[in-house]
Amino acid sequence: MEKQGWVSIWLGNINDEDSIGEYVDLTYDEDGESIPSQFFIDFNIGMAETDEDTIEKAVYTSSSRDISALLEGCSYEEIVIPKVQKSINLKKHIMQ
């Protein structure tokens, strides 16, 4: 579902750019109608709920637990990264 001022962040393991594209990118039939990708199917995301032009994805050659490194270069990173870091720190504090 699309909400103003919200962002969804999905993290996972994948081998390469081609694999993530095959998993996430929409395809189209001969009439130009979009066909949901396996990502949309796996997470029950409705086609009307997402603007495909706002989807950003990246594959890194090495793993990291540093959320700011993983999100570096994303749109609005100066807003997104501090908010995500704050949320993660709150959860760690509560769980300890």
N, C-alpha and C. Protein backbone atom coordinates (compact mmCIF):
# COMPACT_ATOMS: atom_id res chain seq x y z
N MET A 1 0.84 -1.17 0.00
CA MET A 1 0.00 0.00 0.00
C MET A 1 0.89 1.24 0.00
N GLU A 2 0.58 2.19 -0.81
CA GLU A 2 1.34 3.42 -0.93
C GLU A 2 0.82 4.45 0.06
N LYS A 3 1.74 4.97 0.90
CA LYS A 3 1.39 5.99 1.88
C LYS A 3 2.39 7.12 1.78
N GLN A 4 1.91 8.33 1.77
CA GLN A 4 2.78 9.51 1.72
C GLN A 4 3.68 9.53 2.96
N GLY A 5 4.98 9.71 2.75
CA GLY A 5 5.92 9.81 3.85
C GLY A 5 6.39 8.48 4.41
N TRP A 6 6.04 7.37 3.77
CA TRP A 6 6.44 6.05 4.23
C TRP A 6 7.33 5.38 3.19
N VAL A 7 8.19 4.49 3.67
CA VAL A 7 9.05 3.71 2.78
C VAL A 7 9.09 2.28 3.31
N SER A 8 9.11 1.32 2.42
CA SER A 8 9.27 -0.08 2.79
C SER A 8 10.68 -0.50 2.40
N ILE A 9 11.35 -1.17 3.30
CA ILE A 9 12.71 -1.64 3.04
C ILE A 9 12.70 -3.15 3.17
N TRP A 10 13.15 -3.80 2.11
CA TRP A 10 13.20 -5.26 2.07
C TRP A 10 14.66 -5.67 1.91
N LEU A 11 15.15 -6.50 2.80
CA LEU A 11 16.53 -6.97 2.74
C LEU A 11 16.52 -8.48 2.55
N GLY A 12 17.47 -8.97 1.79
CA GLY A 12 17.55 -10.41 1.56
C GLY A 12 18.86 -10.78 0.91
N ASN A 13 19.02 -12.02 0.62
CA ASN A 13 20.22 -12.53 -0.04
C ASN A 13 19.88 -12.92 -1.47
N ILE A 14 20.67 -12.43 -2.39
CA ILE A 14 20.47 -12.75 -3.81
C ILE A 14 21.83 -12.71 -4.49
N ASN A 15 21.99 -13.45 -5.55
CA ASN A 15 23.31 -13.63 -6.15
C ASN A 15 23.80 -12.47 -7.00
N ASP A 16 22.94 -11.89 -7.83
CA ASP A 16 23.44 -10.90 -8.77
C ASP A 16 22.33 -9.99 -9.27
N GLU A 17 22.71 -8.98 -10.05
CA GLU A 17 21.75 -8.00 -10.59
C GLU A 17 20.67 -8.66 -11.44
N ASP A 18 21.06 -9.64 -12.24
CA ASP A 18 20.07 -10.31 -13.09
C ASP A 18 19.02 -11.03 -12.24
N SER A 19 19.47 -11.68 -11.18
CA SER A 19 18.55 -12.42 -10.31
C SER A 19 17.57 -11.50 -9.60
N ILE A 20 18.05 -10.37 -9.12
CA ILE A 20 17.14 -9.46 -8.42
C ILE A 20 16.15 -8.84 -9.41
N GLY A 21 16.61 -8.56 -10.61
CA GLY A 21 15.72 -8.02 -11.63
C GLY A 21 14.63 -9.01 -11.99
N GLU A 22 15.00 -10.28 -12.17
CA GLU A 22 14.02 -11.31 -12.49
C GLU A 22 13.01 -11.47 -11.36
N TYR A 23 13.46 -11.34 -10.11
CA TYR A 23 12.60 -11.54 -8.95
C TYR A 23 11.67 -10.34 -8.71
N VAL A 24 12.16 -9.11 -8.91
CA VAL A 24 11.42 -7.92 -8.52
C VAL A 24 10.70 -7.24 -9.69
N ASP A 25 11.33 -7.15 -10.84
CA ASP A 25 10.78 -6.36 -11.95
C ASP A 25 9.50 -6.95 -12.52
N LEU A 26 8.58 -6.06 -12.85
CA LEU A 26 7.33 -6.47 -13.49
C LEU A 26 7.59 -6.77 -14.97
N THR A 27 6.76 -7.61 -15.53
CA THR A 27 6.80 -7.86 -16.97
C THR A 27 5.43 -7.47 -17.52
N TYR A 28 5.33 -7.48 -18.83
CA TYR A 28 4.08 -7.06 -19.48
C TYR A 28 3.66 -8.07 -20.52
N ASP A 29 2.35 -8.26 -20.65
CA ASP A 29 1.84 -9.17 -21.67
C ASP A 29 1.73 -8.43 -23.01
N GLU A 30 1.26 -9.13 -24.03
CA GLU A 30 1.19 -8.54 -25.37
C GLU A 30 0.23 -7.36 -25.47
N ASP A 31 -0.68 -7.22 -24.49
CA ASP A 31 -1.60 -6.09 -24.46
C ASP A 31 -1.07 -4.92 -23.64
N GLY A 32 0.14 -5.07 -23.11
CA GLY A 32 0.72 -4.01 -22.31
C GLY A 32 0.29 -4.01 -20.85
N GLU A 33 -0.43 -5.05 -20.44
CA GLU A 33 -0.86 -5.17 -19.05
C GLU A 33 0.29 -5.73 -18.22
N SER A 34 0.51 -5.15 -17.03
CA SER A 34 1.60 -5.61 -16.19
C SER A 34 1.28 -6.96 -15.54
N ILE A 35 2.32 -7.75 -15.41
CA ILE A 35 2.23 -9.07 -14.78
C ILE A 35 3.08 -8.99 -13.51
N PRO A 36 2.51 -9.34 -12.37
CA PRO A 36 3.26 -9.23 -11.13
C PRO A 36 4.49 -10.14 -11.11
N SER A 37 5.54 -9.63 -10.53
CA SER A 37 6.77 -10.43 -10.38
C SER A 37 6.59 -11.40 -9.21
N GLN A 38 7.52 -12.31 -9.09
CA GLN A 38 7.48 -13.28 -7.98
C GLN A 38 7.56 -12.56 -6.65
N PHE A 39 8.28 -11.45 -6.57
CA PHE A 39 8.37 -10.65 -5.35
C PHE A 39 6.97 -10.18 -4.94
N PHE A 40 6.21 -9.64 -5.88
CA PHE A 40 4.85 -9.18 -5.60
C PHE A 40 3.98 -10.34 -5.14
N ILE A 41 4.14 -11.47 -5.76
CA ILE A 41 3.35 -12.65 -5.41
C ILE A 41 3.73 -13.16 -4.02
N ASP A 42 5.04 -13.30 -3.77
CA ASP A 42 5.51 -13.83 -2.48
C ASP A 42 5.04 -13.00 -1.29
N PHE A 43 4.98 -11.68 -1.46
CA PHE A 43 4.62 -10.81 -0.34
C PHE A 43 3.22 -10.24 -0.46
N ASN A 44 2.42 -10.81 -1.37
CA ASN A 44 1.02 -10.43 -1.53
C ASN A 44 0.85 -8.91 -1.70
N ILE A 45 1.65 -8.35 -2.59
CA ILE A 45 1.60 -6.92 -2.87
C ILE A 45 0.73 -6.72 -4.11
N GLY A 46 -0.30 -5.91 -3.96
CA GLY A 46 -1.19 -5.63 -5.07
C GLY A 46 -0.55 -4.68 -6.07
N MET A 47 -0.82 -4.90 -7.33
CA MET A 47 -0.24 -4.06 -8.38
C MET A 47 -0.68 -2.61 -8.22
N ALA A 48 -1.91 -2.37 -7.79
CA ALA A 48 -2.42 -1.01 -7.65
C ALA A 48 -1.82 -0.30 -6.44
N GLU A 49 -1.15 -1.06 -5.56
CA GLU A 49 -0.60 -0.50 -4.34
C GLU A 49 0.80 0.07 -4.50
N THR A 50 1.39 -0.11 -5.66
CA THR A 50 2.80 0.26 -5.83
C THR A 50 3.02 1.00 -7.13
N ASP A 51 3.85 2.03 -7.05
CA ASP A 51 4.30 2.74 -8.23
C ASP A 51 5.66 2.15 -8.60
N GLU A 52 5.69 1.36 -9.66
CA GLU A 52 6.92 0.65 -10.01
C GLU A 52 8.09 1.59 -10.31
N ASP A 53 7.80 2.84 -10.63
CA ASP A 53 8.87 3.80 -10.90
C ASP A 53 9.62 4.20 -9.63
N THR A 54 9.07 3.89 -8.47
CA THR A 54 9.73 4.27 -7.22
C THR A 54 10.50 3.10 -6.59
N ILE A 55 10.49 1.95 -7.22
CA ILE A 55 11.21 0.79 -6.68
C ILE A 55 12.71 0.97 -6.94
N GLU A 56 13.48 0.84 -5.87
CA GLU A 56 14.93 0.89 -5.97
C GLU A 56 15.48 -0.43 -5.45
N LYS A 57 16.49 -0.94 -6.10
CA LYS A 57 17.09 -2.20 -5.65
C LYS A 57 18.59 -2.17 -5.89
N ALA A 58 19.31 -2.92 -5.06
CA ALA A 58 20.76 -2.96 -5.18
C ALA A 58 21.27 -4.34 -4.76
N VAL A 59 22.37 -4.75 -5.34
CA VAL A 59 23.05 -5.98 -4.97
C VAL A 59 24.47 -5.61 -4.57
N TYR A 60 24.90 -6.08 -3.43
CA TYR A 60 26.25 -5.80 -2.94
C TYR A 60 27.10 -7.06 -3.02
N THR A 61 28.37 -6.89 -3.31
CA THR A 61 29.27 -8.04 -3.45
C THR A 61 29.75 -8.56 -2.10
N SER A 62 29.62 -7.77 -1.06
CA SER A 62 29.99 -8.25 0.28
C SER A 62 28.84 -7.95 1.25
N SER A 63 28.74 -8.76 2.29
CA SER A 63 27.65 -8.58 3.24
C SER A 63 27.99 -7.48 4.24
N SER A 64 26.96 -6.95 4.87
CA SER A 64 27.15 -5.91 5.86
C SER A 64 25.99 -5.92 6.84
N ARG A 65 26.27 -5.58 8.09
CA ARG A 65 25.22 -5.41 9.09
C ARG A 65 24.97 -3.92 9.33
N ASP A 66 25.68 -3.09 8.61
CA ASP A 66 25.56 -1.64 8.76
C ASP A 66 24.45 -1.13 7.84
N ILE A 67 23.30 -0.81 8.43
CA ILE A 67 22.14 -0.40 7.64
C ILE A 67 22.44 0.86 6.83
N SER A 68 23.25 1.78 7.39
CA SER A 68 23.55 2.99 6.62
C SER A 68 24.38 2.68 5.39
N ALA A 69 25.26 1.70 5.47
CA ALA A 69 26.03 1.32 4.28
C ALA A 69 25.12 0.67 3.24
N LEU A 70 24.17 -0.12 3.69
CA LEU A 70 23.26 -0.79 2.77
C LEU A 70 22.30 0.18 2.09
N LEU A 71 21.95 1.25 2.78
CA LEU A 71 21.00 2.22 2.22
C LEU A 71 21.67 3.42 1.56
N GLU A 72 22.98 3.50 1.63
CA GLU A 72 23.70 4.62 1.04
C GLU A 72 23.39 4.71 -0.45
N GLY A 73 23.03 5.90 -0.88
CA GLY A 73 22.73 6.13 -2.28
C GLY A 73 21.26 6.01 -2.62
N CYS A 74 20.44 5.59 -1.66
CA CYS A 74 19.00 5.49 -1.94
C CYS A 74 18.39 6.89 -2.00
N SER A 75 17.25 6.99 -2.61
CA SER A 75 16.56 8.28 -2.66
C SER A 75 16.25 8.74 -1.24
N TYR A 76 16.43 10.03 -1.03
CA TYR A 76 16.15 10.65 0.27
C TYR A 76 16.95 10.02 1.40
N GLU A 77 18.16 9.56 1.10
CA GLU A 77 18.97 8.87 2.12
C GLU A 77 19.20 9.73 3.36
N GLU A 78 19.26 11.05 3.19
CA GLU A 78 19.50 11.92 4.34
C GLU A 78 18.32 11.91 5.32
N ILE A 79 17.17 11.47 4.87
CA ILE A 79 15.99 11.36 5.74
C ILE A 79 15.80 9.90 6.16
N VAL A 80 15.91 8.99 5.20
CA VAL A 80 15.62 7.58 5.44
C VAL A 80 16.60 6.95 6.42
N ILE A 81 17.90 7.13 6.19
CA ILE A 81 18.90 6.44 7.01
C ILE A 81 18.78 6.81 8.49
N PRO A 82 18.73 8.08 8.88
CA PRO A 82 18.59 8.38 10.31
C PRO A 82 17.32 7.81 10.94
N LYS A 83 16.21 7.82 10.19
CA LYS A 83 14.95 7.27 10.74
C LYS A 83 15.05 5.76 10.93
N VAL A 84 15.67 5.07 9.98
CA VAL A 84 15.83 3.62 10.11
C VAL A 84 16.78 3.30 11.25
N GLN A 85 17.88 4.03 11.36
CA GLN A 85 18.83 3.81 12.45
C GLN A 85 18.16 4.02 13.81
N LYS A 86 17.35 5.05 13.93
CA LYS A 86 16.65 5.33 15.18
C LYS A 86 15.71 4.17 15.52
N SER A 87 14.98 3.68 14.55
CA SER A 87 14.05 2.58 14.76
C SER A 87 14.79 1.32 15.18
N ILE A 88 15.88 1.03 14.52
CA ILE A 88 16.66 -0.17 14.85
C ILE A 88 17.22 -0.05 16.25
N ASN A 89 17.76 1.11 16.62
CA ASN A 89 18.31 1.30 17.96
C ASN A 89 17.24 1.15 19.03
N LEU A 90 16.03 1.64 18.76
CA LEU A 90 14.93 1.49 19.71
C LEU A 90 14.61 0.02 19.91
N LYS A 91 14.55 -0.75 18.85
CA LYS A 91 14.24 -2.17 18.96
C LYS A 91 15.32 -2.93 19.71
N LYS A 92 16.58 -2.60 19.46
CA LYS A 92 17.67 -3.26 20.18
C LYS A 92 17.58 -2.96 21.67
N HIS A 93 17.27 -1.72 21.99
CA HIS A 93 17.19 -1.31 23.39
C HIS A 93 16.05 -2.05 24.10
N ILE A 94 14.92 -2.19 23.45
CA ILE A 94 13.76 -2.86 24.03
C ILE A 94 14.03 -4.34 24.22
N MET A 95 14.73 -4.96 23.28
CA MET A 95 14.95 -6.39 23.31
C MET A 95 16.01 -6.81 24.33
N GLN A 96 16.85 -5.91 24.79
CA GLN A 96 17.94 -6.27 25.70
C GLN A 96 17.48 -6.40 27.12
